[in-house]
C-alpha atoms as a PDB file:
ATOM      1  CA  MET A   1     130.402 -21.855 -43.855  1.00  0.00           C
ATOM      2  CA  THR A   2     133.307 -24.189 -44.481  1.00  0.00           C
ATOM      3  CA  THR A   3     133.575 -27.551 -42.786  1.00  0.00           C
ATOM      4  CA  ASP A   4     135.728 -26.099 -40.019  1.00  0.00           C
ATOM      5  CA  SER A   5     133.566 -23.000 -39.576  1.00  0.00           C
ATOM      6  CA  PRO A   6     131.535 -22.574 -36.396  1.00  0.00           C
ATOM      7  CA  ALA A   7     127.927 -23.561 -36.669  1.00  0.00           C
ATOM      8  CA  PRO A   8     125.573 -20.641 -37.252  1.00  0.00           C
ATOM      9  CA  GLY A   9     124.568 -19.182 -33.923  1.00  0.00           C
ATOM     10  CA  ALA A  10     127.478 -20.743 -31.992  1.00  0.00           C
ATOM     11  CA  GLY A  11     128.010 -17.533 -30.029  1.00  0.00           C
ATOM     12  CA  PRO A  12     127.958 -13.741 -30.373  1.00  0.00           C
ATOM     13  CA  ALA A  13     131.664 -13.555 -31.130  1.00  0.00           C
ATOM     14  CA  ASP A  14     131.704 -16.250 -33.768  1.00  0.00           C
ATOM     15  CA  ARG A  15     128.515 -15.761 -35.732  1.00  0.00           C
ATOM     16  CA  PRO A  16     129.017 -16.761 -39.362  1.00  0.00           C
ATOM     17  CA  SER A  17     129.062 -13.903 -41.835  1.00  0.00           C
ATOM     18  CA  ILE A  18     125.909 -13.546 -43.908  1.00  0.00           C
ATOM     19  CA  ALA A  19     125.327 -12.098 -47.360  1.00  0.00           C
ATOM     20  CA  TRP A  20     121.731 -11.053 -48.016  1.00  0.00           C
ATOM     21  CA  ILE A  21     120.561 -10.598 -51.596  1.00  0.00           C
ATOM     22  CA  GLY A  22     117.174  -8.893 -52.008  1.00  0.00           C
ATOM     23  CA  LEU A  23     116.031  -6.262 -49.521  1.00  0.00           C
ATOM     24  CA  GLY A  24     112.345  -5.885 -50.303  1.00  0.00           C
ATOM     25  CA  ILE A  25     109.259  -5.931 -48.109  1.00  0.00           C
ATOM     26  CA  MET A  26     110.354  -9.212 -46.553  1.00  0.00           C
ATOM     27  CA  GLY A  27     114.110  -9.083 -46.973  1.00  0.00           C
ATOM     28  CA  SER A  28     114.748  -5.802 -45.182  1.00  0.00           C
ATOM     29  CA  PRO A  29     113.150  -6.693 -41.832  1.00  0.00           C
ATOM     30  CA  MET A  30     114.514 -10.243 -41.988  1.00  0.00           C
ATOM     31  CA  SER A  31     118.076  -9.029 -42.497  1.00  0.00           C
ATOM     32  CA  GLU A  32     117.589  -6.551 -39.676  1.00  0.00           C
ATOM     33  CA  ASN A  33     116.489  -9.358 -37.361  1.00  0.00           C
ATOM     34  CA  LEU A  34     119.741 -11.170 -38.117  1.00  0.00           C
ATOM     35  CA  LEU A  35     121.677  -8.009 -37.299  1.00  0.00           C
ATOM     36  CA  ALA A  36     119.757  -7.720 -34.027  1.00  0.00           C
ATOM     37  CA  ALA A  37     120.707 -11.328 -33.246  1.00  0.00           C
ATOM     38  CA  GLY A  38     124.375 -10.506 -33.654  1.00  0.00           C
ATOM     39  CA  TYR A  39     125.072 -11.746 -37.164  1.00  0.00           C
ATOM     40  CA  PRO A  40     127.256  -9.629 -39.463  1.00  0.00           C
ATOM     41  CA  VAL A  41     125.238  -8.967 -42.619  1.00  0.00           C
ATOM     42  CA  ALA A  42     126.385  -7.586 -45.966  1.00  0.00           C
ATOM     43  CA  GLY A  43     123.449  -6.900 -48.262  1.00  0.00           C
ATOM     44  CA  HIS A  44     122.911  -6.125 -51.904  1.00  0.00           C
ATOM     45  CA  THR A  45     119.864  -4.918 -53.776  1.00  0.00           C
ATOM     46  CA  LEU A  46     119.212  -2.572 -56.671  1.00  0.00           C
ATOM     47  CA  GLU A  47     117.453   0.073 -54.564  1.00  0.00           C
ATOM     48  CA  GLN A  48     119.739   2.558 -52.843  1.00  0.00           C
ATOM     49  CA  ASP A  49     117.201   3.450 -50.146  1.00  0.00           C
ATOM     50  CA  LYS A  50     117.090  -0.197 -49.078  1.00  0.00           C
ATOM     51  CA  LEU A  51     120.890  -0.307 -48.905  1.00  0.00           C
ATOM     52  CA  ASP A  52     120.831   2.865 -46.815  1.00  0.00           C
ATOM     53  CA  ARG A  53     118.275   1.251 -44.486  1.00  0.00           C
ATOM     54  CA  LEU A  54     120.495  -1.799 -44.030  1.00  0.00           C
ATOM     55  CA  ALA A  55     123.532   0.359 -43.283  1.00  0.00           C
ATOM     56  CA  LYS A  56     121.545   2.400 -40.753  1.00  0.00           C
ATOM     57  CA  ALA A  57     120.596  -0.857 -39.004  1.00  0.00           C
ATOM     58  CA  GLY A  58     124.269  -1.814 -38.706  1.00  0.00           C
ATOM     59  CA  GLY A  59     124.766  -3.880 -41.828  1.00  0.00           C
ATOM     60  CA  THR A  60     127.158  -3.418 -44.732  1.00  0.00           C
ATOM     61  CA  ALA A  61     125.803  -2.116 -48.030  1.00  0.00           C
ATOM     62  CA  ALA A  62     127.490  -4.016 -50.854  1.00  0.00           C
ATOM     63  CA  GLY A  63     127.733  -2.525 -54.311  1.00  0.00           C
ATOM     64  CA  SER A  64     127.451  -5.870 -56.093  1.00  0.00           C
ATOM     65  CA  ILE A  65     126.585  -9.511 -55.568  1.00  0.00           C
ATOM     66  CA  ALA A  66     130.262 -10.378 -55.834  1.00  0.00           C
ATOM     67  CA  GLU A  67     131.161  -7.940 -53.059  1.00  0.00           C
ATOM     68  CA  ALA A  68     128.376  -9.204 -50.811  1.00  0.00           C
ATOM     69  CA  VAL A  69     129.097 -12.928 -51.112  1.00  0.00           C
ATOM     70  CA  ALA A  70     132.878 -13.061 -51.453  1.00  0.00           C
ATOM     71  CA  ASP A  71     133.598 -13.704 -47.764  1.00  0.00           C
ATOM     72  CA  ALA A  72     130.194 -14.947 -46.653  1.00  0.00           C
ATOM     73  CA  ASP A  73     129.654 -18.208 -44.812  1.00  0.00           C
ATOM     74  CA  VAL A  74     125.909 -18.115 -45.462  1.00  0.00           C
ATOM     75  CA  ILE A  75     124.264 -16.477 -48.479  1.00  0.00           C
ATOM     76  CA  ILE A  76     120.537 -15.787 -48.283  1.00  0.00           C
ATOM     77  CA  THR A  77     118.422 -14.782 -51.251  1.00  0.00           C
ATOM     78  CA  MET A  78     114.940 -13.284 -50.977  1.00  0.00           C
ATOM     79  CA  VAL A  79     113.749 -12.193 -54.415  1.00  0.00           C
ATOM     80  CA  PRO A  80     110.349 -12.323 -56.153  1.00  0.00           C
ATOM     81  CA  ALA A  81     110.394 -15.396 -58.411  1.00  0.00           C
ATOM     82  CA  SER A  82     112.389 -18.063 -60.275  1.00  0.00           C
ATOM     83  CA  PRO A  83     113.757 -15.702 -62.971  1.00  0.00           C
ATOM     84  CA  GLN A  84     115.197 -13.406 -60.304  1.00  0.00           C
ATOM     85  CA  VAL A  85     116.729 -16.339 -58.410  1.00  0.00           C
ATOM     86  CA  GLU A  86     118.379 -17.514 -61.603  1.00  0.00           C
ATOM     87  CA  ALA A  87     119.549 -13.983 -62.378  1.00  0.00           C
ATOM     88  CA  VAL A  88     121.317 -13.541 -59.033  1.00  0.00           C
ATOM     89  CA  ALA A  89     122.652 -17.105 -58.880  1.00  0.00           C
ATOM     90  CA  TYR A  90     124.034 -17.684 -62.362  1.00  0.00           C
ATOM     91  CA  GLY A  91     126.308 -15.902 -64.819  1.00  0.00           C
ATOM     92  CA  PRO A  92     129.662 -14.188 -64.414  1.00  0.00           C
ATOM     93  CA  GLU A  93     128.308 -11.703 -61.865  1.00  0.00           C
ATOM     94  CA  GLY A  94     126.196 -14.228 -59.965  1.00  0.00           C
ATOM     95  CA  ILE A  95     126.468 -15.923 -56.612  1.00  0.00           C
ATOM     96  CA  LEU A  96     127.876 -19.221 -57.866  1.00  0.00           C
ATOM     97  CA  ALA A  97     130.709 -17.441 -59.647  1.00  0.00           C
ATOM     98  CA  HIS A  98     131.826 -15.569 -56.523  1.00  0.00           C
ATOM     99  CA  ALA A  99     130.822 -17.538 -53.423  1.00  0.00           C
ATOM    100  CA  ARG A 100     133.576 -19.523 -51.793  1.00  0.00           C
ATOM    101  CA  ARG A 101     133.576 -23.309 -51.681  1.00  0.00           C
ATOM    102  CA  GLY A 102     131.811 -24.633 -48.623  1.00  0.00           C
ATOM    103  CA  ALA A 103     129.425 -21.693 -48.393  1.00  0.00           C
ATOM    104  CA  LEU A 104     125.757 -22.396 -47.753  1.00  0.00           C
ATOM    105  CA  LEU A 105     123.259 -20.780 -50.114  1.00  0.00           C
ATOM    106  CA  VAL A 106     119.787 -20.464 -48.564  1.00  0.00           C
ATOM    107  CA  ASP A 107     117.116 -19.391 -51.011  1.00  0.00           C
ATOM    108  CA  MET A 108     114.121 -18.019 -49.109  1.00  0.00           C
ATOM    109  CA  SER A 109     112.251 -16.863 -52.202  1.00  0.00           C
ATOM    110  CA  SER A 110     109.049 -18.557 -53.348  1.00  0.00           C
ATOM    111  CA  ILE A 111     109.894 -20.281 -56.622  1.00  0.00           C
ATOM    112  CA  THR A 112     109.165 -23.484 -58.489  1.00  0.00           C
ATOM    113  CA  PRO A 113     110.399 -26.702 -56.879  1.00  0.00           C
ATOM    114  CA  GLN A 114     112.295 -27.571 -60.064  1.00  0.00           C
ATOM    115  CA  THR A 115     114.218 -24.288 -59.937  1.00  0.00           C
ATOM    116  CA  SER A 116     115.366 -25.208 -56.430  1.00  0.00           C
ATOM    117  CA  VAL A 117     116.408 -28.703 -57.516  1.00  0.00           C
ATOM    118  CA  ASP A 118     118.372 -27.294 -60.457  1.00  0.00           C
ATOM    119  CA  LEU A 119     120.052 -24.659 -58.300  1.00  0.00           C
ATOM    120  CA  ALA A 120     121.187 -27.261 -55.768  1.00  0.00           C
ATOM    121  CA  LYS A 121     122.653 -29.437 -58.528  1.00  0.00           C
ATOM    122  CA  ASN A 122     124.515 -26.581 -60.198  1.00  0.00           C
ATOM    123  CA  ALA A 123     125.790 -25.202 -56.900  1.00  0.00           C
ATOM    124  CA  ALA A 124     127.086 -28.619 -55.821  1.00  0.00           C
ATOM    125  CA  GLU A 125     129.361 -28.634 -58.849  1.00  0.00           C
ATOM    126  CA  ARG A 126     131.051 -25.560 -57.371  1.00  0.00           C
ATOM    127  CA  GLY A 127     131.237 -26.914 -53.844  1.00  0.00           C
ATOM    128  CA  ILE A 128     128.352 -24.766 -52.605  1.00  0.00           C
ATOM    129  CA  ARG A 129     125.547 -26.292 -50.547  1.00  0.00           C
ATOM    130  CA  VAL A 130     121.935 -25.192 -50.968  1.00  0.00           C
ATOM    131  CA  LEU A 131     118.730 -25.136 -48.959  1.00  0.00           C
ATOM    132  CA  ASP A 132     115.376 -23.993 -50.290  1.00  0.00           C
ATOM    133  CA  ALA A 133     113.672 -22.268 -47.357  1.00  0.00           C
ATOM    134  CA  PRO A 134     110.603 -20.264 -48.360  1.00  0.00           C
ATOM    135  CA  VAL A 135     108.604 -18.582 -45.628  1.00  0.00           C
ATOM    136  CA  SER A 136     105.041 -17.809 -44.637  1.00  0.00           C
ATOM    137  CA  GLY A 137     103.802 -15.028 -42.413  1.00  0.00           C
ATOM    138  CA  GLY A 138     103.959 -11.953 -44.601  1.00  0.00           C
ATOM    139  CA  GLU A 139     105.496  -8.626 -43.730  1.00  0.00           C
ATOM    140  CA  ALA A 140     104.202  -8.719 -40.165  1.00  0.00           C
ATOM    141  CA  GLY A 141     105.750 -12.148 -39.612  1.00  0.00           C
ATOM    142  CA  ALA A 142     109.044 -10.913 -41.046  1.00  0.00           C
ATOM    143  CA  VAL A 143     109.089  -7.841 -38.809  1.00  0.00           C
ATOM    144  CA  GLU A 144     108.161  -9.827 -35.696  1.00  0.00           C
ATOM    145  CA  ALA A 145     110.524 -12.733 -36.529  1.00  0.00           C
ATOM    146  CA  VAL A 146     107.678 -15.245 -36.246  1.00  0.00           C
ATOM    147  CA  LEU A 147     107.763 -16.650 -39.771  1.00  0.00           C
ATOM    148  CA  SER A 148     107.077 -20.253 -40.641  1.00  0.00           C
ATOM    149  CA  ILE A 149     110.073 -21.604 -42.545  1.00  0.00           C
ATOM    150  CA  MET A 150     109.739 -24.736 -44.678  1.00  0.00           C
ATOM    151  CA  VAL A 151     113.082 -26.179 -45.702  1.00  0.00           C
ATOM    152  CA  GLY A 152     114.262 -28.561 -48.396  1.00  0.00           C
ATOM    153  CA  GLY A 153     117.781 -29.974 -48.705  1.00  0.00           C
ATOM    154  CA  GLU A 154     120.253 -32.068 -46.752  1.00  0.00           C
ATOM    155  CA  ARG A 155     119.328 -32.464 -43.086  1.00  0.00           C
ATOM    156  CA  ALA A 156     122.910 -31.787 -41.963  1.00  0.00           C
ATOM    157  CA  ASP A 157     122.833 -28.413 -43.714  1.00  0.00           C
ATOM    158  CA  PHE A 158     119.430 -27.710 -42.184  1.00  0.00           C
ATOM    159  CA  GLU A 159     120.705 -28.425 -38.688  1.00  0.00           C
ATOM    160  CA  ARG A 160     123.730 -26.171 -39.135  1.00  0.00           C
ATOM    161  CA  ALA A 161     121.503 -23.383 -40.443  1.00  0.00           C
ATOM    162  CA  ARG A 162     118.827 -23.809 -37.784  1.00  0.00           C
ATOM    163  CA  PRO A 163     120.144 -21.034 -35.478  1.00  0.00           C
ATOM    164  CA  VAL A 164     119.998 -18.601 -38.391  1.00  0.00           C
ATOM    165  CA  PHE A 165     116.407 -19.637 -39.066  1.00  0.00           C
ATOM    166  CA  GLU A 166     115.594 -19.239 -35.375  1.00  0.00           C
ATOM    167  CA  ALA A 167     116.476 -15.546 -35.623  1.00  0.00           C
ATOM    168  CA  LEU A 168     113.870 -15.204 -38.380  1.00  0.00           C
ATOM    169  CA  GLY A 169     110.980 -17.462 -37.505  1.00  0.00           C
ATOM    170  CA  ARG A 170     109.128 -19.542 -34.976  1.00  0.00           C
ATOM    171  CA  THR A 171     107.991 -22.653 -36.885  1.00  0.00           C
ATOM    172  CA  ILE A 172     110.993 -24.197 -38.626  1.00  0.00           C
ATOM    173  CA  VAL A 173     110.616 -27.578 -40.295  1.00  0.00           C
ATOM    174  CA  HIS A 174     112.820 -29.724 -42.502  1.00  0.00           C
ATOM    175  CA  CYS A 175     110.352 -30.958 -45.140  1.00  0.00           C
ATOM    176  CA  GLY A 176     112.552 -33.254 -47.206  1.00  0.00           C
ATOM    177  CA  PRO A 177     115.044 -33.124 -50.084  1.00  0.00           C
ATOM    178  CA  HIS A 178     115.756 -30.198 -52.395  1.00  0.00           C
ATOM    179  CA  GLY A 179     112.512 -28.716 -53.671  1.00  0.00           C
ATOM    180  CA  ALA A 180     110.397 -30.014 -50.786  1.00  0.00           C
ATOM    181  CA  GLY A 181     110.351 -26.629 -49.082  1.00  0.00           C
ATOM    182  CA  GLN A 182     109.028 -25.022 -52.243  1.00  0.00           C
ATOM    183  CA  THR A 183     106.356 -27.703 -52.623  1.00  0.00           C
ATOM    184  CA  VAL A 184     105.135 -27.043 -49.096  1.00  0.00           C
ATOM    185  CA  LYS A 185     105.186 -23.293 -49.779  1.00  0.00           C
ATOM    186  CA  ALA A 186     103.034 -23.842 -52.859  1.00  0.00           C
ATOM    187  CA  ALA A 187     100.509 -25.694 -50.701  1.00  0.00           C
ATOM    188  CA  ASN A 188     100.678 -22.845 -48.192  1.00  0.00           C
ATOM    189  CA  GLN A 189      99.890 -20.280 -50.856  1.00  0.00           C
ATOM    190  CA  LEU A 190      96.955 -22.375 -52.055  1.00  0.00           C
ATOM    191  CA  ILE A 191      95.486 -22.449 -48.536  1.00  0.00           C
ATOM    192  CA  VAL A 192      96.110 -18.734 -47.947  1.00  0.00           C
ATOM    193  CA  ALA A 193      94.505 -17.655 -51.228  1.00  0.00           C
ATOM    194  CA  VAL A 194      91.413 -19.784 -50.682  1.00  0.00           C
ATOM    195  CA  ASN A 195      91.158 -18.526 -47.088  1.00  0.00           C
ATOM    196  CA  ILE A 196      91.460 -14.867 -48.100  1.00  0.00           C
ATOM    197  CA  GLN A 197      88.825 -15.351 -50.786  1.00  0.00           C
ATOM    198  CA  ALA A 198      86.448 -16.982 -48.278  1.00  0.00           C
ATOM    199  CA  CYS A 199      86.997 -14.172 -45.766  1.00  0.00           C
ATOM    200  CA  ALA A 200      86.429 -11.543 -48.461  1.00  0.00           C
ATOM    201  CA  GLU A 201      83.165 -13.190 -49.497  1.00  0.00           C
ATOM    202  CA  ALA A 202      82.054 -13.338 -45.867  1.00  0.00           C
ATOM    203  CA  VAL A 203      82.744  -9.615 -45.383  1.00  0.00           C
ATOM    204  CA  VAL A 204      80.683  -8.638 -48.428  1.00  0.00           C
ATOM    205  CA  PHE A 205      77.899 -11.023 -47.386  1.00  0.00           C
ATOM    206  CA  LEU A 206      77.816  -9.558 -43.873  1.00  0.00           C
ATOM    207  CA  GLU A 207      77.826  -5.958 -45.042  1.00  0.00           C
ATOM    208  CA  LYS A 208      75.089  -6.489 -47.613  1.00  0.00           C
ATOM    209  CA  SER A 209      73.042  -8.221 -44.920  1.00  0.00           C
ATOM    210  CA  GLY A 210      73.272  -5.185 -42.635  1.00  0.00           C
ATOM    211  CA  VAL A 211      75.360  -6.911 -39.974  1.00  0.00           C
ATOM    212  CA  ASP A 212      78.219  -5.069 -38.263  1.00  0.00           C
ATOM    213  CA  PRO A 213      81.198  -6.796 -39.911  1.00  0.00           C
ATOM    214  CA  ARG A 214      83.629  -5.913 -37.127  1.00  0.00           C
ATOM    215  CA  ALA A 215      81.488  -7.585 -34.483  1.00  0.00           C
ATOM    216  CA  ALA A 216      80.828 -10.525 -36.782  1.00  0.00           C
ATOM    217  CA  LEU A 217      84.507 -11.098 -37.567  1.00  0.00           C
ATOM    218  CA  ASP A 218      85.384 -10.886 -33.880  1.00  0.00           C
ATOM    219  CA  VAL A 219      83.042 -13.751 -33.027  1.00  0.00           C
ATOM    220  CA  LEU A 220      83.918 -15.743 -36.153  1.00  0.00           C
ATOM    221  CA  GLY A 221      87.591 -15.441 -35.261  1.00  0.00           C
ATOM    222  CA  GLY A 222      86.942 -17.163 -31.941  1.00  0.00           C
ATOM    223  CA  GLY A 223      85.333 -20.222 -33.474  1.00  0.00           C
ATOM    224  CA  LEU A 224      86.155 -22.847 -36.069  1.00  0.00           C
ATOM    225  CA  ALA A 225      86.117 -20.175 -38.777  1.00  0.00           C
ATOM    226  CA  GLY A 226      89.030 -18.446 -37.086  1.00  0.00           C
ATOM    227  CA  SER A 227      92.391 -18.480 -38.834  1.00  0.00           C
ATOM    228  CA  THR A 228      95.682 -16.647 -38.989  1.00  0.00           C
ATOM    229  CA  VAL A 229      94.501 -15.112 -42.242  1.00  0.00           C
ATOM    230  CA  LEU A 230      91.381 -13.711 -40.579  1.00  0.00           C
ATOM    231  CA  ALA A 231      93.353 -12.421 -37.590  1.00  0.00           C
ATOM    232  CA  ARG A 232      96.072 -10.823 -39.708  1.00  0.00           C
ATOM    233  CA  LYS A 233      93.852  -9.422 -42.469  1.00  0.00           C
ATOM    234  CA  LYS A 234      90.720  -8.416 -40.553  1.00  0.00           C
ATOM    235  CA  ASP A 235      91.660  -4.742 -40.378  1.00  0.00           C
ATOM    236  CA  ASN A 236      92.669  -4.755 -44.045  1.00  0.00           C
ATOM    237  CA  PHE A 237      89.190  -5.942 -44.954  1.00  0.00           C
ATOM    238  CA  LEU A 238      87.307  -3.632 -42.606  1.00  0.00           C
ATOM    239  CA  ASP A 239      89.370  -0.506 -43.317  1.00  0.00           C
ATOM    240  CA  ARG A 240      89.904  -1.258 -47.016  1.00  0.00           C
ATOM    241  CA  ASP A 241      93.612  -0.872 -46.310  1.00  0.00           C
ATOM    242  CA  PHE A 242      95.350  -2.658 -49.155  1.00  0.00           C
ATOM    243  CA  ARG A 243      98.860  -1.331 -48.763  1.00  0.00           C
ATOM    244  CA  PRO A 244     101.036  -4.238 -49.865  1.00  0.00           C
ATOM    245  CA  GLY A 245     102.274  -6.702 -47.297  1.00  0.00           C
ATOM    246  CA  PHE A 246     102.159  -9.424 -49.948  1.00  0.00           C
ATOM    247  CA  ARG A 247     101.190  -8.213 -53.391  1.00  0.00           C
ATOM    248  CA  ILE A 248      98.536  -9.720 -55.649  1.00  0.00           C
ATOM    249  CA  ASP A 249     101.246  -9.900 -58.355  1.00  0.00           C
ATOM    250  CA  LEU A 250     103.283 -12.281 -56.196  1.00  0.00           C
ATOM    251  CA  HIS A 251     100.308 -14.392 -55.182  1.00  0.00           C
ATOM    252  CA  HIS A 252      99.387 -14.663 -58.859  1.00  0.00           C
ATOM    253  CA  LYS A 253     102.868 -16.047 -59.471  1.00  0.00           C
ATOM    254  CA  ASP A 254     102.496 -18.492 -56.593  1.00  0.00           C
ATOM    255  CA  MET A 255      99.118 -19.735 -57.782  1.00  0.00           C
ATOM    256  CA  GLY A 256     100.735 -20.472 -61.119  1.00  0.00           C
ATOM    257  CA  ILE A 257     103.397 -22.501 -59.321  1.00  0.00           C
ATOM    258  CA  VAL A 258     100.913 -24.587 -57.342  1.00  0.00           C
ATOM    259  CA  THR A 259      98.543 -25.244 -60.255  1.00  0.00           C
ATOM    260  CA  ASP A 260     101.418 -26.278 -62.526  1.00  0.00           C
ATOM    261  CA  ALA A 261     102.986 -28.488 -59.849  1.00  0.00           C
ATOM    262  CA  ALA A 262      99.628 -30.108 -59.105  1.00  0.00           C
ATOM    263  CA  ARG A 263      99.098 -30.835 -62.772  1.00  0.00           C
ATOM    264  CA  ASN A 264     102.512 -32.478 -62.955  1.00  0.00           C
ATOM    265  CA  VAL A 265     101.682 -34.892 -60.129  1.00  0.00           C
ATOM    266  CA  GLY A 266      98.058 -35.464 -61.102  1.00  0.00           C
ATOM    267  CA  ALA A 267      96.444 -33.661 -58.148  1.00  0.00           C
ATOM    268  CA  ALA A 268      93.063 -32.022 -58.779  1.00  0.00           C
ATOM    269  CA  LEU A 269      92.668 -28.513 -57.334  1.00  0.00           C
ATOM    270  CA  PRO A 270      89.122 -27.457 -58.285  1.00  0.00           C
ATOM    271  CA  VAL A 271      88.784 -24.712 -55.665  1.00  0.00           C
ATOM    272  CA  GLY A 272      92.395 -23.655 -56.078  1.00  0.00           C
ATOM    273  CA  ALA A 273      91.980 -23.331 -59.827  1.00  0.00           C
ATOM    274  CA  LEU A 274      88.968 -21.061 -59.367  1.00  0.00           C
ATOM    275  CA  VAL A 275      90.745 -18.841 -56.853  1.00  0.00           C
ATOM    276  CA  ALA A 276      93.763 -18.694 -59.172  1.00  0.00           C
ATOM    277  CA  GLN A 277      91.453 -17.270 -61.829  1.00  0.00           C
ATOM    278  CA  LEU A 278      90.058 -14.716 -59.384  1.00  0.00           C
ATOM    279  CA  VAL A 279      93.573 -13.625 -58.418  1.00  0.00           C
ATOM    280  CA  ALA A 280      94.484 -13.334 -62.111  1.00  0.00           C
ATOM    281  CA  ALA A 281      91.331 -11.326 -62.825  1.00  0.00           C
ATOM    282  CA  LEU A 282      92.087  -8.886 -60.005  1.00  0.00           C
ATOM    283  CA  ARG A 283      95.574  -8.430 -61.379  1.00  0.00           C
ATOM    284  CA  GLU A 284      94.212  -7.699 -64.867  1.00  0.00           C
ATOM    285  CA  GLN A 285      91.884  -5.111 -63.335  1.00  0.00           C
ATOM    286  CA  GLY A 286      94.943  -3.151 -62.232  1.00  0.00           C
ATOM    287  CA  ASP A 287      95.155  -4.265 -58.616  1.00  0.00           C
ATOM    288  CA  GLY A 288      98.343  -6.322 -58.888  1.00  0.00           C
ATOM    289  CA  GLY A 289     100.327  -3.961 -56.683  1.00  0.00           C
ATOM    290  CA  LEU A 290      97.855  -4.178 -53.810  1.00  0.00           C
ATOM    291  CA  ASP A 291      97.936  -6.539 -50.846  1.00  0.00           C
ATOM    292  CA  HIS A 292      96.343  -9.931 -51.481  1.00  0.00           C
ATOM    293  CA  SER A 293      93.552  -8.975 -49.079  1.00  0.00           C
ATOM    294  CA  ALA A 294      92.383  -6.838 -52.016  1.00  0.00           C
ATOM    295  CA  LEU A 295      90.613  -9.974 -53.233  1.00  0.00           C
ATOM    296  CA  LEU A 296      87.796  -8.227 -51.388  1.00  0.00           C
ATOM    297  CA  ARG A 297      87.673  -5.718 -54.256  1.00  0.00           C
ATOM    298  CA  GLY A 298      87.004  -8.514 -56.705  1.00  0.00           C
ATOM    299  CA  VAL A 299      84.088  -9.779 -54.606  1.00  0.00           C
ATOM    300  CA  GLU A 300      82.699  -6.257 -54.367  1.00  0.00           C
ATOM    301  CA  ARG A 301      82.843  -5.857 -58.126  1.00  0.00           C
ATOM    302  CA  LEU A 302      81.069  -9.167 -58.650  1.00  0.00           C
ATOM    303  CA  SER A 303      78.458  -8.076 -56.114  1.00  0.00           C
ATOM    304  CA  GLY A 304      77.683  -4.862 -57.978  1.00  0.00           C
ATOM    305  CA  GLY A 305      79.649  -2.510 -55.755  1.00  0.00           C
ATOM    306  CA  GLU A 306      81.924   0.338 -56.799  1.00  0.00           C
ATOM    307  CA  VAL A 307      85.579   0.121 -55.802  1.00  0.00           C
END
């Protein structure tokens, strides 16, 4: 997106070209939502079935990062963690080596704030602008294009990218300078983990007390105890359906980010630290590939149940 390029979303005929790197659980439906909104999307990932899915949706399957980003106005990355962001951004085959000057790199992964700050600095040396724009809402939010998007970086870049974000989410907020989006995402993951743990404990408590958990969660969801987590994960809890929408492995990574960042700024997270340990324990018990609602399994184990 050079200085004389049209703003993202200016019109169906002049949508900026988008390169999408990382077509996982979140990336695939998000890229498809951009295609549905009229944006041309070239995507790259290491999994051929995901490339085939993108092509079937009307996108272009790129055989390399270089091929995907060479002519892109906007480059979006959605990969698991800081090491993967660094792997796709840096080096002779990376984004910074092949993106054109004036392009906007939007990292929507959940990574450490410092990684985002460093990426913005290194990209600026090559004339590439950067926004950190992690999301919340899980797979369902990605599919339904109702994600919350928390953005760090220059406000002017945020405003130019806003129409792209509007094709992906509903709550879109500029949170501050580079790294601010990732800091807010870390806080989000803290709240979500604690909320899931509380809901899981409530389910086990209700069941062991002989109360119909479905009826109980229905009424709890209508009061102060109600939350997006409870609404989205209720069926996971009740049906023991732990197919991954957001894996325990990734939430373990995110809890490491928030506890480290809190330590750096001197913020005490007593409840967060405990839940981080419970997430880590579940992962060590072999449940890392399950949805984070599988925290229920940890509560069941502690309560003497078999899982």
